[in-house]
Amino acid sequence: MDANFNNANVERAYARWAPIYDLVFGAMFERGRHAAIDAAERIGGRILEVGVGTGLSLSGYDRRNAIVGVDISLPMLRRANVRVHSLRLEHVRGLAVGDAEHLSFPDASFDVVVAQYVVTAVPHPEAALDEFARVVRPGGEIVITTRIGAETGLRGIVEAKLMPLTSRLGWRTEFAWSRYAAWIAANPAVRLVERRRLPPLGHFELVRIARLAA
């Protein structure tokens, strides 16, 4: 892992992104947001969005759901709070500063955990995945949108060389599917439900992981 890729640096990076995040990434990840919301609402109910950011997704959820959001960046959350109040999003039950690797919720607190473009933006991705699996109830799902890095070839070389830059910007370029596959294989309480490509550029995917019923 890049030694500079830690929570303090991620916080600083997203504090810088906060004023322009919607402008830069709003349209780029719009289809991914809709895909994640649609996937989460296959189950619905109490939904935790980890890395809620500026709250771009919040108005898209059906009002019958109860949404809780956490993010490591207070400046991003301030913008999410403005969005919640200005749009009167009463189905959003709480927004709080939170670390994806150390969620403050009891076991099995949520029907669905949504993490959009988050796993490659935390210092220890497998620890975050462990937390998602802990706080989702048996029979619930983890819904992830994520960049998938190349395993080999020219793109893999380029992604590795870009890591010192992108880690300062707040995310990884180098994160292959094999890390997800290894985590799923090592956790008998979960199984892969769906994996499909998302725009832009075919480098992003929607991943649905079920927490198996006891």
C-alpha atoms as a PDB file:
ATOM      1  CA  MET A   1       0.000   0.000   0.000  1.00  0.00           C
ATOM      2  CA  ASP A   2       1.163   3.546  -0.729  1.00  0.00           C
ATOM      3  CA  ALA A   3       2.365   4.934   2.628  1.00  0.00           C
ATOM      4  CA  ASN A   4       0.693   8.252   1.802  1.00  0.00           C
ATOM      5  CA  PHE A   5      -2.688   6.587   1.351  1.00  0.00           C
ATOM      6  CA  ASN A   6      -4.144   7.035   4.825  1.00  0.00           C
ATOM      7  CA  ASN A   7      -7.300   8.496   6.329  1.00  0.00           C
ATOM      8  CA  ALA A   8      -5.777  11.892   7.050  1.00  0.00           C
ATOM      9  CA  ASN A   9      -4.689  12.339   3.450  1.00  0.00           C
ATOM     10  CA  VAL A  10      -8.001  11.022   2.124  1.00  0.00           C
ATOM     11  CA  GLU A  11      -9.839  13.534   4.332  1.00  0.00           C
ATOM     12  CA  ARG A  12      -7.683  16.362   3.021  1.00  0.00           C
ATOM     13  CA  ALA A  13      -8.182  15.248  -0.568  1.00  0.00           C
ATOM     14  CA  TYR A  14     -11.978  15.212  -0.318  1.00  0.00           C
ATOM     15  CA  ALA A  15     -12.027  18.518   1.552  1.00  0.00           C
ATOM     16  CA  ARG A  16     -10.424  19.946  -1.581  1.00  0.00           C
ATOM     17  CA  TRP A  17     -12.870  18.093  -3.851  1.00  0.00           C
ATOM     18  CA  ALA A  18     -15.987  19.129  -1.914  1.00  0.00           C
ATOM     19  CA  PRO A  19     -16.659  22.511  -3.627  1.00  0.00           C
ATOM     20  CA  ILE A  20     -16.364  21.046  -7.134  1.00  0.00           C
ATOM     21  CA  TYR A  21     -17.241  17.375  -6.619  1.00  0.00           C
ATOM     22  CA  ASP A  22     -20.753  17.567  -8.090  1.00  0.00           C
ATOM     23  CA  LEU A  23     -19.510  19.457 -11.133  1.00  0.00           C
ATOM     24  CA  VAL A  24     -16.635  17.074 -11.829  1.00  0.00           C
ATOM     25  CA  PHE A  25     -18.237  13.726 -10.978  1.00  0.00           C
ATOM     26  CA  GLY A  26     -21.999  14.324 -11.007  1.00  0.00           C
ATOM     27  CA  ALA A  27     -22.646  13.545 -14.659  1.00  0.00           C
ATOM     28  CA  MET A  28     -19.729  11.103 -14.961  1.00  0.00           C
ATOM     29  CA  PHE A  29     -21.143   8.700 -12.364  1.00  0.00           C
ATOM     30  CA  GLU A  30     -24.853   9.367 -12.892  1.00  0.00           C
ATOM     31  CA  ARG A  31     -25.603   6.006 -14.494  1.00  0.00           C
ATOM     32  CA  GLY A  32     -23.625   4.233 -11.797  1.00  0.00           C
ATOM     33  CA  ARG A  33     -25.637   6.016  -9.096  1.00  0.00           C
ATOM     34  CA  HIS A  34     -28.931   4.986 -10.682  1.00  0.00           C
ATOM     35  CA  ALA A  35     -27.694   1.400 -11.015  1.00  0.00           C
ATOM     36  CA  ALA A  36     -26.693   1.303  -7.346  1.00  0.00           C
ATOM     37  CA  ILE A  37     -30.022   2.744  -6.198  1.00  0.00           C
ATOM     38  CA  ASP A  38     -31.978   0.282  -8.348  1.00  0.00           C
ATOM     39  CA  ALA A  39     -29.938  -2.604  -6.956  1.00  0.00           C
ATOM     40  CA  ALA A  40     -30.394  -1.438  -3.357  1.00  0.00           C
ATOM     41  CA  GLU A  41     -34.128  -1.130  -3.831  1.00  0.00           C
ATOM     42  CA  ARG A  42     -34.446  -4.776  -4.874  1.00  0.00           C
ATOM     43  CA  ILE A  43     -34.412  -5.265  -1.091  1.00  0.00           C
ATOM     44  CA  GLY A  44     -35.034  -1.761   0.240  1.00  0.00           C
ATOM     45  CA  GLY A  45     -35.792  -0.895   3.838  1.00  0.00           C
ATOM     46  CA  ARG A  46     -33.025   0.497   6.022  1.00  0.00           C
ATOM     47  CA  ILE A  47     -30.125   1.464   3.748  1.00  0.00           C
ATOM     48  CA  LEU A  48     -26.655   2.626   4.789  1.00  0.00           C
ATOM     49  CA  GLU A  49     -24.739   4.605   2.192  1.00  0.00           C
ATOM     50  CA  VAL A  50     -21.041   4.554   3.053  1.00  0.00           C
ATOM     51  CA  GLY A  51     -19.131   7.391   1.422  1.00  0.00           C
ATOM     52  CA  VAL A  52     -22.312   9.377   0.891  1.00  0.00           C
ATOM     53  CA  GLY A  53     -20.224  12.389  -0.122  1.00  0.00           C
ATOM     54  CA  THR A  54     -22.263  15.430  -1.143  1.00  0.00           C
ATOM     55  CA  GLY A  55     -25.432  13.342  -1.155  1.00  0.00           C
ATOM     56  CA  LEU A  56     -25.855  13.084  -4.919  1.00  0.00           C
ATOM     57  CA  SER A  57     -27.751   9.798  -4.578  1.00  0.00           C
ATOM     58  CA  LEU A  58     -30.065  10.717  -1.724  1.00  0.00           C
ATOM     59  CA  SER A  59     -32.954  12.164  -3.730  1.00  0.00           C
ATOM     60  CA  GLY A  60     -33.006   9.076  -5.940  1.00  0.00           C
ATOM     61  CA  TYR A  61     -34.116   6.629  -3.258  1.00  0.00           C
ATOM     62  CA  ASP A  62     -37.785   5.817  -2.870  1.00  0.00           C
ATOM     63  CA  ARG A  63     -39.191   7.686   0.123  1.00  0.00           C
ATOM     64  CA  ARG A  64     -40.383   4.416   1.651  1.00  0.00           C
ATOM     65  CA  ASN A  65     -36.757   3.585   2.468  1.00  0.00           C
ATOM     66  CA  ALA A  66     -34.855   4.942   5.461  1.00  0.00           C
ATOM     67  CA  ILE A  67     -31.412   6.187   4.435  1.00  0.00           C
ATOM     68  CA  VAL A  68     -28.430   6.742   6.706  1.00  0.00           C
ATOM     69  CA  GLY A  69     -25.233   8.184   5.270  1.00  0.00           C
ATOM     70  CA  VAL A  70     -21.653   8.352   6.527  1.00  0.00           C
ATOM     71  CA  ASP A  71     -18.561   9.937   5.038  1.00  0.00           C
ATOM     72  CA  ILE A  72     -15.051  10.603   6.283  1.00  0.00           C
ATOM     73  CA  SER A  73     -15.124  14.159   4.909  1.00  0.00           C
ATOM     74  CA  LEU A  74     -16.956  16.798   6.932  1.00  0.00           C
ATOM     75  CA  PRO A  75     -16.894  19.350   4.055  1.00  0.00           C
ATOM     76  CA  MET A  76     -18.595  16.786   1.792  1.00  0.00           C
ATOM     77  CA  LEU A  77     -21.190  16.038   4.481  1.00  0.00           C
ATOM     78  CA  ARG A  78     -21.978  19.709   4.923  1.00  0.00           C
ATOM     79  CA  ARG A  79     -22.993  19.824   1.278  1.00  0.00           C
ATOM     80  CA  ALA A  80     -25.040  16.663   1.724  1.00  0.00           C
ATOM     81  CA  ASN A  81     -26.874  18.264   4.649  1.00  0.00           C
ATOM     82  CA  VAL A  82     -27.684  21.332   2.558  1.00  0.00           C
ATOM     83  CA  ARG A  83     -29.089  19.032  -0.121  1.00  0.00           C
ATOM     84  CA  VAL A  84     -31.212  17.122   2.396  1.00  0.00           C
ATOM     85  CA  HIS A  85     -32.723  20.285   3.855  1.00  0.00           C
ATOM     86  CA  SER A  86     -33.235  22.149   0.587  1.00  0.00           C
ATOM     87  CA  LEU A  87     -34.933  19.156  -1.081  1.00  0.00           C
ATOM     88  CA  ARG A  88     -36.780  18.113   2.112  1.00  0.00           C
ATOM     89  CA  LEU A  89     -35.492  14.577   1.943  1.00  0.00           C
ATOM     90  CA  GLU A  90     -37.309  13.278   5.003  1.00  0.00           C
ATOM     91  CA  HIS A  91     -36.401   9.685   4.236  1.00  0.00           C
ATOM     92  CA  VAL A  92     -32.781  10.551   5.061  1.00  0.00           C
ATOM     93  CA  ARG A  93     -32.670   9.673   8.750  1.00  0.00           C
ATOM     94  CA  GLY A  94     -29.127  10.723   9.517  1.00  0.00           C
ATOM     95  CA  LEU A  95     -25.790  11.879   8.108  1.00  0.00           C
ATOM     96  CA  ALA A  96     -22.592  11.594  10.125  1.00  0.00           C
ATOM     97  CA  VAL A  97     -18.842  11.555   9.874  1.00  0.00           C
ATOM     98  CA  GLY A  98     -17.770   7.937   9.730  1.00  0.00           C
ATOM     99  CA  ASP A  99     -14.844   5.715   8.773  1.00  0.00           C
ATOM    100  CA  ALA A 100     -15.706   2.883   6.364  1.00  0.00           C
ATOM    101  CA  GLU A 101     -13.175   0.651   8.119  1.00  0.00           C
ATOM    102  CA  HIS A 102     -14.687   1.237  11.579  1.00  0.00           C
ATOM    103  CA  LEU A 103     -18.439   1.727  11.284  1.00  0.00           C
ATOM    104  CA  SER A 104     -20.177   2.746  14.498  1.00  0.00           C
ATOM    105  CA  PHE A 105     -23.317   0.641  13.976  1.00  0.00           C
ATOM    106  CA  PRO A 106     -24.268  -2.641  15.652  1.00  0.00           C
ATOM    107  CA  ASP A 107     -24.141  -5.916  13.755  1.00  0.00           C
ATOM    108  CA  ALA A 108     -26.952  -6.520  11.234  1.00  0.00           C
ATOM    109  CA  SER A 109     -28.251  -2.941  11.494  1.00  0.00           C
ATOM    110  CA  PHE A 110     -29.159  -2.504   7.816  1.00  0.00           C
ATOM    111  CA  ASP A 111     -31.010  -4.293   5.041  1.00  0.00           C
ATOM    112  CA  VAL A 112     -28.588  -2.941   2.428  1.00  0.00           C
ATOM    113  CA  VAL A 113     -25.162  -1.310   2.489  1.00  0.00           C
ATOM    114  CA  VAL A 114     -24.338   0.846  -0.537  1.00  0.00           C
ATOM    115  CA  ALA A 115     -20.757   1.925  -1.245  1.00  0.00           C
ATOM    116  CA  GLN A 116     -20.352   3.989  -4.393  1.00  0.00           C
ATOM    117  CA  TYR A 117     -16.780   4.494  -5.592  1.00  0.00           C
ATOM    118  CA  VAL A 118     -15.595   4.007  -1.999  1.00  0.00           C
ATOM    119  CA  VAL A 119     -13.680   0.721  -1.795  1.00  0.00           C
ATOM    120  CA  THR A 120     -10.751   2.058  -3.835  1.00  0.00           C
ATOM    121  CA  ALA A 121     -10.733   5.253  -1.732  1.00  0.00           C
ATOM    122  CA  VAL A 122     -10.037   3.710   1.680  1.00  0.00           C
ATOM    123  CA  PRO A 123      -6.597   2.710   2.984  1.00  0.00           C
ATOM    124  CA  HIS A 124      -7.584  -0.902   3.836  1.00  0.00           C
ATOM    125  CA  PRO A 125     -10.332  -2.032   1.440  1.00  0.00           C
ATOM    126  CA  GLU A 126     -10.759  -5.519   2.884  1.00  0.00           C
ATOM    127  CA  ALA A 127     -11.333  -4.029   6.339  1.00  0.00           C
ATOM    128  CA  ALA A 128     -14.104  -1.872   4.872  1.00  0.00           C
ATOM    129  CA  LEU A 129     -15.654  -4.914   3.173  1.00  0.00           C
ATOM    130  CA  ASP A 130     -15.560  -6.738   6.521  1.00  0.00           C
ATOM    131  CA  GLU A 131     -17.477  -3.852   8.089  1.00  0.00           C
ATOM    132  CA  PHE A 132     -20.078  -3.799   5.310  1.00  0.00           C
ATOM    133  CA  ALA A 133     -20.673  -7.522   5.856  1.00  0.00           C
ATOM    134  CA  ARG A 134     -20.907  -7.022   9.617  1.00  0.00           C
ATOM    135  CA  VAL A 135     -23.536  -4.260   9.603  1.00  0.00           C
ATOM    136  CA  VAL A 136     -25.796  -5.763   6.905  1.00  0.00           C
ATOM    137  CA  ARG A 137     -28.363  -8.283   8.106  1.00  0.00           C
ATOM    138  CA  PRO A 138     -28.432 -11.915   6.967  1.00  0.00           C
ATOM    139  CA  GLY A 139     -30.470 -11.962   3.760  1.00  0.00           C
ATOM    140  CA  GLY A 140     -29.416  -8.392   2.957  1.00  0.00           C
ATOM    141  CA  GLU A 141     -26.995  -7.164   0.319  1.00  0.00           C
ATOM    142  CA  ILE A 142     -23.880  -5.079  -0.143  1.00  0.00           C
ATOM    143  CA  VAL A 143     -24.114  -2.965  -3.313  1.00  0.00           C
ATOM    144  CA  ILE A 144     -20.830  -1.603  -4.609  1.00  0.00           C
ATOM    145  CA  THR A 145     -19.918   0.549  -7.574  1.00  0.00           C
ATOM    146  CA  THR A 146     -16.197   0.410  -8.078  1.00  0.00           C
ATOM    147  CA  ARG A 147     -13.320   0.948 -10.403  1.00  0.00           C
ATOM    148  CA  ILE A 148     -11.703  -2.336 -11.393  1.00  0.00           C
ATOM    149  CA  GLY A 149      -8.027  -2.143 -12.189  1.00  0.00           C
ATOM    150  CA  ALA A 150      -6.281  -4.237 -14.799  1.00  0.00           C
ATOM    151  CA  GLU A 151      -4.630  -7.482 -13.734  1.00  0.00           C
ATOM    152  CA  THR A 152      -1.877  -7.305 -16.351  1.00  0.00           C
ATOM    153  CA  GLY A 153      -0.858  -5.583 -19.550  1.00  0.00           C
ATOM    154  CA  LEU A 154      -0.234  -1.966 -20.465  1.00  0.00           C
ATOM    155  CA  ARG A 155      -3.211  -0.621 -18.491  1.00  0.00           C
ATOM    156  CA  GLY A 156      -1.973  -2.405 -15.381  1.00  0.00           C
ATOM    157  CA  ILE A 157       1.472  -0.838 -15.783  1.00  0.00           C
ATOM    158  CA  VAL A 158      -0.011   2.629 -16.299  1.00  0.00           C
ATOM    159  CA  GLU A 159      -2.309   2.250 -13.268  1.00  0.00           C
ATOM    160  CA  ALA A 160       0.611   1.255 -11.052  1.00  0.00           C
ATOM    161  CA  LYS A 161       2.638   4.250 -12.205  1.00  0.00           C
ATOM    162  CA  LEU A 162      -0.309   6.603 -11.589  1.00  0.00           C
ATOM    163  CA  MET A 163      -0.805   5.469  -7.988  1.00  0.00           C
ATOM    164  CA  PRO A 164       1.473   8.115  -6.392  1.00  0.00           C
ATOM    165  CA  LEU A 165      -0.635  10.815  -8.088  1.00  0.00           C
ATOM    166  CA  THR A 166      -4.100   9.328  -7.616  1.00  0.00           C
ATOM    167  CA  SER A 167      -3.455   8.468  -3.966  1.00  0.00           C
ATOM    168  CA  ARG A 168      -2.971  12.197  -3.364  1.00  0.00           C
ATOM    169  CA  LEU A 169      -6.250  12.838  -5.184  1.00  0.00           C
ATOM    170  CA  GLY A 170      -8.043  10.375  -2.877  1.00  0.00           C
ATOM    171  CA  TRP A 171      -8.350   7.063  -4.732  1.00  0.00           C
ATOM    172  CA  ARG A 172      -6.503   4.087  -6.180  1.00  0.00           C
ATOM    173  CA  THR A 173      -6.074   3.272  -9.837  1.00  0.00           C
ATOM    174  CA  GLU A 174      -4.476  -0.093  -9.017  1.00  0.00           C
ATOM    175  CA  PHE A 175      -7.151  -2.421  -7.608  1.00  0.00           C
ATOM    176  CA  ALA A 176      -7.817  -5.656  -9.467  1.00  0.00           C
ATOM    177  CA  TRP A 177     -10.935  -7.839  -9.291  1.00  0.00           C
ATOM    178  CA  SER A 178      -8.823 -10.590  -7.733  1.00  0.00           C
ATOM    179  CA  ARG A 179      -8.905  -8.706  -4.414  1.00  0.00           C
ATOM    180  CA  TYR A 180     -12.716  -8.788  -4.356  1.00  0.00           C
ATOM    181  CA  ALA A 181     -12.692 -12.438  -5.408  1.00  0.00           C
ATOM    182  CA  ALA A 182     -10.226 -13.362  -2.666  1.00  0.00           C
ATOM    183  CA  TRP A 183     -12.279 -11.532  -0.028  1.00  0.00           C
ATOM    184  CA  ILE A 184     -15.500 -13.263  -1.112  1.00  0.00           C
ATOM    185  CA  ALA A 185     -13.775 -16.665  -1.162  1.00  0.00           C
ATOM    186  CA  ALA A 186     -12.439 -16.103   2.365  1.00  0.00           C
ATOM    187  CA  ASN A 187     -15.863 -15.172   3.772  1.00  0.00           C
ATOM    188  CA  PRO A 188     -18.324 -18.089   3.782  1.00  0.00           C
ATOM    189  CA  ALA A 189     -21.127 -15.801   5.037  1.00  0.00           C
ATOM    190  CA  VAL A 190     -21.277 -13.958   1.687  1.00  0.00           C
ATOM    191  CA  ARG A 191     -21.677 -14.771  -1.983  1.00  0.00           C
ATOM    192  CA  LEU A 192     -21.408 -12.848  -5.228  1.00  0.00           C
ATOM    193  CA  VAL A 193     -24.843 -12.152  -6.729  1.00  0.00           C
ATOM    194  CA  GLU A 194     -24.045  -9.901  -9.666  1.00  0.00           C
ATOM    195  CA  ARG A 195     -21.106  -8.270 -11.401  1.00  0.00           C
ATOM    196  CA  ARG A 196     -21.567  -6.055 -14.450  1.00  0.00           C
ATOM    197  CA  ARG A 197     -19.837  -3.261 -16.307  1.00  0.00           C
ATOM    198  CA  LEU A 198     -20.740   0.397 -15.849  1.00  0.00           C
ATOM    199  CA  PRO A 199     -19.712   3.519 -17.753  1.00  0.00           C
ATOM    200  CA  PRO A 200     -17.456   5.400 -18.191  1.00  0.00           C
ATOM    201  CA  LEU A 201     -14.746   3.648 -20.230  1.00  0.00           C
ATOM    202  CA  GLY A 202     -15.678   0.139 -19.082  1.00  0.00           C
ATOM    203  CA  HIS A 203     -13.340   0.434 -16.070  1.00  0.00           C
ATOM    204  CA  PHE A 204     -16.169   0.499 -13.502  1.00  0.00           C
ATOM    205  CA  GLU A 205     -18.517  -2.219 -12.292  1.00  0.00           C
ATOM    206  CA  LEU A 206     -21.617  -2.797 -10.203  1.00  0.00           C
ATOM    207  CA  VAL A 207     -21.062  -5.580  -7.672  1.00  0.00           C
ATOM    208  CA  ARG A 208     -23.799  -7.114  -5.542  1.00  0.00           C
ATOM    209  CA  ILE A 209     -22.782  -9.317  -2.632  1.00  0.00           C
ATOM    210  CA  ALA A 210     -25.383 -11.119  -0.517  1.00  0.00           C
ATOM    211  CA  ARG A 211     -25.008 -11.730   3.216  1.00  0.00           C
ATOM    212  CA  LEU A 212     -26.263 -15.289   3.533  1.00  0.00           C
ATOM    213  CA  ALA A 213     -29.133 -16.066   5.852  1.00  0.00           C
ATOM    214  CA  ALA A 214     -28.159 -18.087   8.911  1.00  0.00           C
END
